[in-house]
Protein backbone atom coordinates (compact mmCIF):
# COMPACT_ATOMS: atom_id res chain seq x y z
CA UNK A 1 91.58 125.54 94.97
CA UNK A 2 94.85 125.65 96.69
CA UNK A 3 97.08 122.55 97.13
CA UNK A 4 96.49 122.29 100.91
CA UNK A 5 92.68 121.87 100.20
CA UNK A 6 93.26 119.38 97.31
CA UNK A 7 95.45 117.26 99.52
CA UNK A 8 92.77 117.17 102.36
CA UNK A 9 90.13 116.41 99.89
CA UNK A 10 92.16 113.54 98.48
CA UNK A 11 92.94 112.08 101.89
CA UNK A 12 89.32 112.20 102.78
CA UNK A 13 88.19 110.61 99.37
CA UNK A 14 90.73 107.67 99.86
CA UNK A 15 89.94 107.34 103.59
CA UNK A 16 86.15 106.97 103.01
CA UNK A 17 86.63 104.69 99.98
CA UNK A 18 88.57 102.34 102.29
CA UNK A 19 85.76 102.64 104.98
CA UNK A 20 88.31 104.09 107.47
CA UNK A 21 87.41 106.51 110.16
CA UNK A 22 89.50 109.64 110.84
CA UNK A 23 90.30 108.06 114.10
CA UNK A 24 91.78 104.84 112.56
CA UNK A 25 93.95 106.65 110.07
CA UNK A 26 95.16 108.99 112.76
CA UNK A 27 96.15 106.11 115.01
CA UNK A 28 98.04 104.35 112.29
CA UNK A 29 99.65 107.55 111.20
CA UNK A 30 100.62 108.55 114.81
CA UNK A 31 98.65 111.95 114.53
CA UNK A 32 95.81 113.45 116.50
CA UNK A 33 92.34 112.78 115.18
CA UNK A 34 91.44 116.55 115.30
CA UNK A 35 94.63 117.27 113.30
CA UNK A 36 93.36 114.76 110.70
CA UNK A 37 90.06 116.66 110.62
CA UNK A 38 91.81 119.94 110.05
CA UNK A 39 94.05 118.48 107.34
CA UNK A 40 90.95 116.95 105.49
CA UNK A 41 89.26 120.38 105.74
CA UNK A 42 92.24 122.27 104.26
CA UNK A 43 92.65 124.26 107.62
CA UNK A 44 96.18 122.98 108.47
CA UNK A 45 99.54 123.10 106.80
CA UNK A 46 101.21 119.81 106.80
CA UNK A 47 104.95 118.65 106.68
CA UNK A 48 106.08 116.24 104.06
CA UNK A 49 106.91 113.85 107.01
CA UNK A 50 103.48 114.14 108.27
CA UNK A 51 101.99 113.66 104.88
CA UNK A 52 104.08 110.61 104.37
CA UNK A 53 102.75 109.08 107.72
CA UNK A 54 99.19 109.76 106.72
CA UNK A 55 99.39 108.36 103.14
CA UNK A 56 101.80 105.55 103.61
CA UNK A 57 100.94 104.39 107.22
CA UNK A 58 97.42 105.67 107.66
CA UNK A 59 95.91 104.87 104.32
CA UNK A 60 98.56 102.25 103.37
CA UNK A 61 99.04 103.43 99.82
CA UNK A 62 102.03 104.93 97.94
CA UNK A 63 102.72 108.64 97.24
CA UNK A 64 102.58 107.75 93.54
CA UNK A 65 99.01 106.35 94.02
CA UNK A 66 97.99 109.31 96.11
CA UNK A 67 99.19 112.02 93.58
CA UNK A 68 98.37 110.19 90.49
CA UNK A 69 94.81 111.73 90.39
CA UNK A 70 93.12 114.29 88.20
CA UNK A 71 93.08 116.96 90.88
CA UNK A 72 96.85 117.19 90.85
CA UNK A 73 97.19 117.32 87.17
CA UNK A 74 98.64 120.69 85.82
CA UNK A 75 95.93 122.66 84.13
CA UNK A 76 98.19 125.45 82.80
CA UNK A 77 101.78 126.60 82.18
CA UNK A 78 104.14 127.24 84.91
CA UNK A 79 105.07 130.85 85.45
CA UNK A 80 108.59 132.13 85.49
């Protein structure tokens, strides 16, 4: 699974655990709801600034809490 899809799944996982709608998160993050849908489904590239808005303002969590998850743990060695 690529990083774009992992990020989207993680956003959706947190959003649903907080009982928030895509619309509510999009509103707080100042992005379009359809954009949120595409991000959650791994269909959109996302800038770090927009990711920050979704995580910190929309979901109201820290980057550390967002990325401190099993799906972001390295499963192998980095190639040179």
